[in-house]
């Protein structure tokens, strides 16, 4: 349920793209430092957005350097890290472990069981560092699982749970920005859950798996889903604009107004092409 919060590379300035990759590589290196090389397999772009947003808000001091890695052995890459990077690495590991466990519980995928075994020690270390956050994530995921087992047709009920999950994740500090950050996390979480469900509608129907959109009776489910996604993205952008963001604001805007919106549009177009072929 990750990979929906990304940049639109073609619309970024070169300097912005270079910085974005620096934060992304910084997270990758932090996963290696805190856990091990294997933990880098859990890396996802969604956590890079978290780093960008919180780093800009709290104006934390960045540490920048160049280094080679397994993916780029020939040329050194820019690495940007700060205190938010470490926080994001812990959250990244916790979320990835729960996601792997969820895949095993739902699909009995042997690969997921093997990965869960491999990451168990690293998960325990991460969970001990942010125990309250880890417990909150687990509770919300259990609530989602319960609603899915009930075959709930209420899209808001299930997506709200993932929204509340992201609320806790994005809240780095309980301060004057708490209310706004919680709203950003909530709408971000709903966007991720809804887009994942919308994208998987056909596969879930074919596999007899739960999907809230397949339980709704509307004249045009694609328009309904698209309107819901755009509305949540609009609420998200409205809350982000309330924050005094300066550093990397161009990258953050690119992710929201081009990357995330573009993902909705690409999914809709893909479905329209599939529908045309099926007629």
Protein backbone atom coordinates (compact mmCIF):
# COMPACT_ATOMS: atom_id res chain seq x y z
CA UNK A 1 0.00 0.00 0.00
CA UNK A 2 2.93 2.30 -0.68
CA UNK A 3 4.50 4.08 -3.63
CA UNK A 4 1.71 6.57 -4.31
CA UNK A 5 3.48 9.67 -2.96
CA UNK A 6 6.14 10.46 -5.52
CA UNK A 7 7.60 13.27 -7.60
CA UNK A 8 6.84 14.16 -11.18
CA UNK A 9 10.46 14.06 -12.32
CA UNK A 10 9.86 15.87 -15.62
CA UNK A 11 8.41 18.91 -13.82
CA UNK A 12 11.23 19.30 -11.30
CA UNK A 13 14.20 21.60 -11.69
CA UNK A 14 17.51 19.75 -11.84
CA UNK A 15 18.61 21.15 -8.48
CA UNK A 16 15.32 20.05 -6.88
CA UNK A 17 15.60 16.55 -8.29
CA UNK A 18 19.20 16.34 -7.05
CA UNK A 19 18.04 17.32 -3.54
CA UNK A 20 15.10 14.90 -3.62
CA UNK A 21 17.41 12.03 -4.52
CA UNK A 22 19.72 13.17 -1.72
CA UNK A 23 16.97 12.78 0.87
CA UNK A 24 15.92 9.43 -0.64
CA UNK A 25 19.50 8.12 -0.61
CA UNK A 26 19.91 9.51 2.90
CA UNK A 27 16.98 7.40 4.08
CA UNK A 28 18.46 4.36 2.36
CA UNK A 29 21.81 4.87 4.08
CA UNK A 30 20.09 5.42 7.43
CA UNK A 31 18.26 2.09 7.11
CA UNK A 32 21.62 0.40 6.56
CA UNK A 33 23.24 2.23 9.48
CA UNK A 34 20.46 1.57 12.00
CA UNK A 35 19.59 -1.96 10.94
CA UNK A 36 21.42 -3.71 8.09
CA UNK A 37 21.74 -3.90 4.32
CA UNK A 38 18.62 -6.04 4.10
CA UNK A 39 16.53 -3.26 5.67
CA UNK A 40 17.19 -1.14 2.59
CA UNK A 41 14.79 -3.40 0.69
CA UNK A 42 11.94 -1.75 2.62
CA UNK A 43 12.80 1.71 1.25
CA UNK A 44 9.85 3.63 -0.23
CA UNK A 45 9.23 7.10 -1.64
CA UNK A 46 6.35 7.88 0.72
CA UNK A 47 8.75 8.28 3.65
CA UNK A 48 10.86 10.70 1.60
CA UNK A 49 7.83 13.04 1.47
CA UNK A 50 7.63 12.78 5.27
CA UNK A 51 11.29 13.79 5.55
CA UNK A 52 10.88 16.72 3.15
CA UNK A 53 7.77 18.06 4.89
CA UNK A 54 9.04 17.80 8.48
CA UNK A 55 12.56 18.98 7.63
CA UNK A 56 11.14 22.08 5.96
CA UNK A 57 8.73 22.78 8.81
CA UNK A 58 11.25 22.41 11.63
CA UNK A 59 14.23 23.75 9.65
CA UNK A 60 16.51 21.02 10.99
CA UNK A 61 20.21 21.04 10.20
CA UNK A 62 21.14 18.82 7.26
CA UNK A 63 24.31 16.79 6.98
CA UNK A 64 25.33 16.34 3.34
CA UNK A 65 28.07 14.11 1.92
CA UNK A 66 28.76 11.89 -1.07
CA UNK A 67 29.02 8.09 -1.05
CA UNK A 68 28.87 5.05 -3.29
CA UNK A 69 26.36 2.26 -2.76
CA UNK A 70 25.39 -1.13 -4.20
CA UNK A 71 22.96 0.44 -6.65
CA UNK A 72 25.45 3.14 -7.74
CA UNK A 73 28.92 1.62 -7.29
CA UNK A 74 30.66 3.67 -10.01
CA UNK A 75 29.64 7.18 -9.02
CA UNK A 76 29.23 8.78 -5.63
CA UNK A 77 25.72 9.98 -4.80
CA UNK A 78 24.59 12.97 -2.74
CA UNK A 79 23.42 11.91 0.72
CA UNK A 80 21.29 14.28 2.80
CA UNK A 81 20.41 13.30 6.38
CA UNK A 82 19.10 14.93 9.53
CA UNK A 83 17.19 14.00 12.68
CA UNK A 84 13.99 13.48 10.66
CA UNK A 85 15.79 10.91 8.49
CA UNK A 86 16.35 8.68 11.50
CA UNK A 87 12.72 9.02 12.58
CA UNK A 88 11.53 8.16 9.06
CA UNK A 89 13.84 5.12 8.93
CA UNK A 90 12.28 3.71 12.11
CA UNK A 91 8.74 4.32 10.82
CA UNK A 92 9.68 2.87 7.41
CA UNK A 93 10.86 -0.38 9.00
CA UNK A 94 7.78 -0.70 11.25
CA UNK A 95 5.31 -0.05 8.42
CA UNK A 96 7.11 -2.41 6.05
CA UNK A 97 7.10 -5.24 8.58
CA UNK A 98 3.38 -4.87 9.25
CA UNK A 99 2.74 -4.69 5.50
CA UNK A 100 4.69 -7.94 4.97
CA UNK A 101 2.76 -9.60 7.79
CA UNK A 102 -0.51 -8.41 6.27
CA UNK A 103 0.43 -9.96 2.92
CA UNK A 104 1.12 -13.25 4.66
CA UNK A 105 -2.13 -13.20 6.64
CA UNK A 106 -4.25 -12.27 3.61
CA UNK A 107 -2.62 -14.25 0.81
CA UNK A 108 -0.51 -16.88 2.63
CA UNK A 109 2.35 -15.80 0.41
CA UNK A 110 5.43 -17.86 1.34
CA UNK A 111 7.74 -15.06 0.22
CA UNK A 112 6.08 -12.70 2.71
CA UNK A 113 6.48 -15.24 5.51
CA UNK A 114 10.18 -15.55 4.72
CA UNK A 115 10.61 -11.76 4.67
CA UNK A 116 8.74 -11.41 7.97
CA UNK A 117 11.14 -13.90 9.54
CA UNK A 118 14.16 -12.06 8.15
CA UNK A 119 12.96 -8.65 9.37
CA UNK A 120 11.61 -9.72 12.76
CA UNK A 121 14.71 -8.70 14.74
CA UNK A 122 14.98 -5.34 12.96
CA UNK A 123 11.27 -4.73 13.51
CA UNK A 124 11.60 -5.41 17.23
CA UNK A 125 14.46 -2.93 17.46
CA UNK A 126 12.47 -0.27 15.58
CA UNK A 127 9.33 -0.96 17.60
CA UNK A 128 11.23 -0.59 20.88
CA UNK A 129 12.47 2.84 19.75
CA UNK A 130 8.97 4.12 18.95
CA UNK A 131 6.77 1.82 21.00
CA UNK A 132 3.69 4.05 21.15
CA UNK A 133 3.79 4.72 17.43
CA UNK A 134 4.26 1.03 16.66
CA UNK A 135 1.33 0.05 18.86
CA UNK A 136 -0.87 2.73 17.27
CA UNK A 137 -0.01 1.51 13.76
CA UNK A 138 -0.83 -2.07 14.76
CA UNK A 139 -4.21 -1.05 16.24
CA UNK A 140 -5.27 0.86 13.12
CA UNK A 141 -4.19 -1.98 10.85
CA UNK A 142 -6.17 -4.42 13.00
CA UNK A 143 -9.21 -2.14 12.72
CA UNK A 144 -8.83 -2.10 8.93
CA UNK A 145 -8.54 -5.90 8.90
CA UNK A 146 -11.70 -6.19 10.99
CA UNK A 147 -13.67 -3.92 8.63
CA UNK A 148 -12.40 -5.87 5.63
CA UNK A 149 -13.52 -9.16 7.19
CA UNK A 150 -16.96 -7.59 7.70
CA UNK A 151 -16.91 -6.76 3.97
CA UNK A 152 -17.70 -3.14 4.82
CA UNK A 153 -19.20 -1.07 2.01
CA UNK A 154 -18.36 2.19 3.79
CA UNK A 155 -15.32 3.60 2.00
CA UNK A 156 -14.83 6.28 4.67
CA UNK A 157 -14.74 3.79 7.55
CA UNK A 158 -11.81 1.82 6.16
CA UNK A 159 -9.91 4.74 4.61
CA UNK A 160 -10.34 6.80 7.80
CA UNK A 161 -8.46 4.13 9.75
CA UNK A 162 -5.46 4.44 7.46
CA UNK A 163 -5.83 8.20 7.71
CA UNK A 164 -5.61 8.01 11.52
CA UNK A 165 -2.58 5.74 11.16
CA UNK A 166 -0.80 8.36 9.05
CA UNK A 167 -1.85 11.05 11.54
CA UNK A 168 0.28 9.44 14.23
CA UNK A 169 3.18 8.88 11.84
CA UNK A 170 3.41 12.46 10.55
CA UNK A 171 3.13 13.96 14.05
CA UNK A 172 6.80 14.34 14.92
CA UNK A 173 6.21 16.74 17.80
CA UNK A 174 3.20 17.74 19.86
CA UNK A 175 3.43 21.48 19.38
CA UNK A 176 1.63 24.42 17.76
CA UNK A 177 1.58 22.56 14.40
CA UNK A 178 -0.06 19.41 15.79
CA UNK A 179 -3.58 20.06 14.51
CA UNK A 180 -2.42 20.91 10.99
CA UNK A 181 0.01 17.98 10.81
CA UNK A 182 -2.68 15.58 11.98
CA UNK A 183 -4.99 16.77 9.21
CA UNK A 184 -2.22 16.42 6.63
CA UNK A 185 -1.52 12.89 7.83
CA UNK A 186 -5.20 12.02 7.82
CA UNK A 187 -5.85 13.14 4.24
CA UNK A 188 -2.56 11.65 3.08
CA UNK A 189 -3.53 8.30 4.58
CA UNK A 190 -6.97 8.38 2.99
CA UNK A 191 -5.42 9.23 -0.38
CA UNK A 192 -3.01 6.26 -0.15
CA UNK A 193 -5.70 3.78 0.90
CA UNK A 194 -8.27 4.97 -1.63
CA UNK A 195 -5.85 5.03 -4.58
CA UNK A 196 -4.54 1.58 -3.69
CA UNK A 197 -8.11 0.25 -3.55
CA UNK A 198 -9.12 2.01 -6.78
CA UNK A 199 -6.08 0.69 -8.62
CA UNK A 200 -6.72 -2.89 -7.43
CA UNK A 201 -10.47 -3.06 -8.11
CA UNK A 202 -10.32 -5.49 -11.03
CA UNK A 203 -7.68 -7.75 -9.47
CA UNK A 204 -9.53 -7.88 -6.15
CA UNK A 205 -12.81 -8.71 -7.88
CA UNK A 206 -11.14 -11.48 -9.87
CA UNK A 207 -9.42 -12.88 -6.77
CA UNK A 208 -12.52 -12.46 -4.58
CA UNK A 209 -10.55 -10.15 -2.28
CA UNK A 210 -12.00 -7.28 -0.29
CA UNK A 211 -12.23 -3.89 -1.96
CA UNK A 212 -14.64 -1.18 -0.72
CA UNK A 213 -15.19 0.19 -4.24
CA UNK A 214 -16.48 -3.19 -5.40
CA UNK A 215 -19.19 -3.04 -2.71
CA UNK A 216 -20.61 0.32 -3.79
CA UNK A 217 -23.56 0.72 -6.13
CA UNK A 218 -23.16 3.95 -8.09
CA UNK A 219 -23.77 4.82 -11.73
CA UNK A 220 -20.12 5.58 -12.46
CA UNK A 221 -17.66 4.05 -9.98
CA UNK A 222 -14.65 5.54 -11.78
CA UNK A 223 -16.01 9.08 -11.47
CA UNK A 224 -16.98 8.43 -7.85
CA UNK A 225 -13.49 7.17 -6.96
CA UNK A 226 -11.76 9.92 -8.92
CA UNK A 227 -13.84 12.66 -7.26
CA UNK A 228 -13.14 11.18 -3.83
CA UNK A 229 -9.41 11.05 -4.46
CA UNK A 230 -9.20 14.59 -5.87
CA UNK A 231 -11.25 15.90 -2.94
CA UNK A 232 -8.89 14.33 -0.38
CA UNK A 233 -5.87 15.64 -2.25
CA UNK A 234 -7.44 19.10 -2.24
CA UNK A 235 -7.96 18.93 1.54
CA UNK A 236 -4.37 17.77 1.94
CA UNK A 237 -2.93 20.62 -0.13
CA UNK A 238 -5.05 23.15 1.77
CA UNK A 239 -3.54 22.03 5.08
CA UNK A 240 0.02 21.95 3.73
CA UNK A 241 -0.35 25.59 2.62
CA UNK A 242 -0.98 26.54 6.26
CA UNK A 243 2.58 25.57 7.19
CA UNK A 244 5.45 28.10 6.92
CA UNK A 245 7.43 25.96 4.48
CA UNK A 246 10.37 27.51 2.64
CA UNK A 247 13.11 24.92 2.25
CA UNK A 248 12.30 22.41 -0.52
CA UNK A 249 8.79 23.87 -0.93
CA UNK A 250 9.13 23.44 -4.70
CA UNK A 251 9.68 19.69 -4.30
CA UNK A 252 6.78 19.36 -1.87
CA UNK A 253 4.47 21.23 -4.27
CA UNK A 254 5.66 19.02 -7.13
CA UNK A 255 4.77 15.88 -5.18
CA UNK A 256 1.28 17.10 -4.26
CA UNK A 257 0.17 19.04 -7.34
CA UNK A 258 1.93 17.00 -10.02
CA UNK A 259 3.11 13.65 -8.66
CA UNK A 260 0.09 12.63 -6.58
CA UNK A 261 -2.49 14.22 -8.89
CA UNK A 262 -0.72 12.65 -11.85
CA UNK A 263 -0.95 9.23 -10.21
CA UNK A 264 -4.74 9.61 -9.97
CA UNK A 265 -4.99 10.63 -13.61
CA UNK A 266 -2.72 7.80 -14.79
CA UNK A 267 -4.77 5.24 -12.90
CA UNK A 268 -8.02 6.59 -14.37
CA UNK A 269 -6.64 6.57 -17.94
CA UNK A 270 -5.31 3.03 -17.48
CA UNK A 271 -8.73 1.86 -16.37
CA UNK A 272 -10.44 3.60 -19.28
CA UNK A 273 -8.15 1.77 -21.71
CA UNK A 274 -8.90 -1.55 -20.02
CA UNK A 275 -12.63 -0.88 -20.22
CA UNK A 276 -12.34 -0.03 -23.92
CA UNK A 277 -10.54 -3.31 -24.62
CA UNK A 278 -13.17 -5.29 -22.73
CA UNK A 279 -16.07 -3.88 -24.78
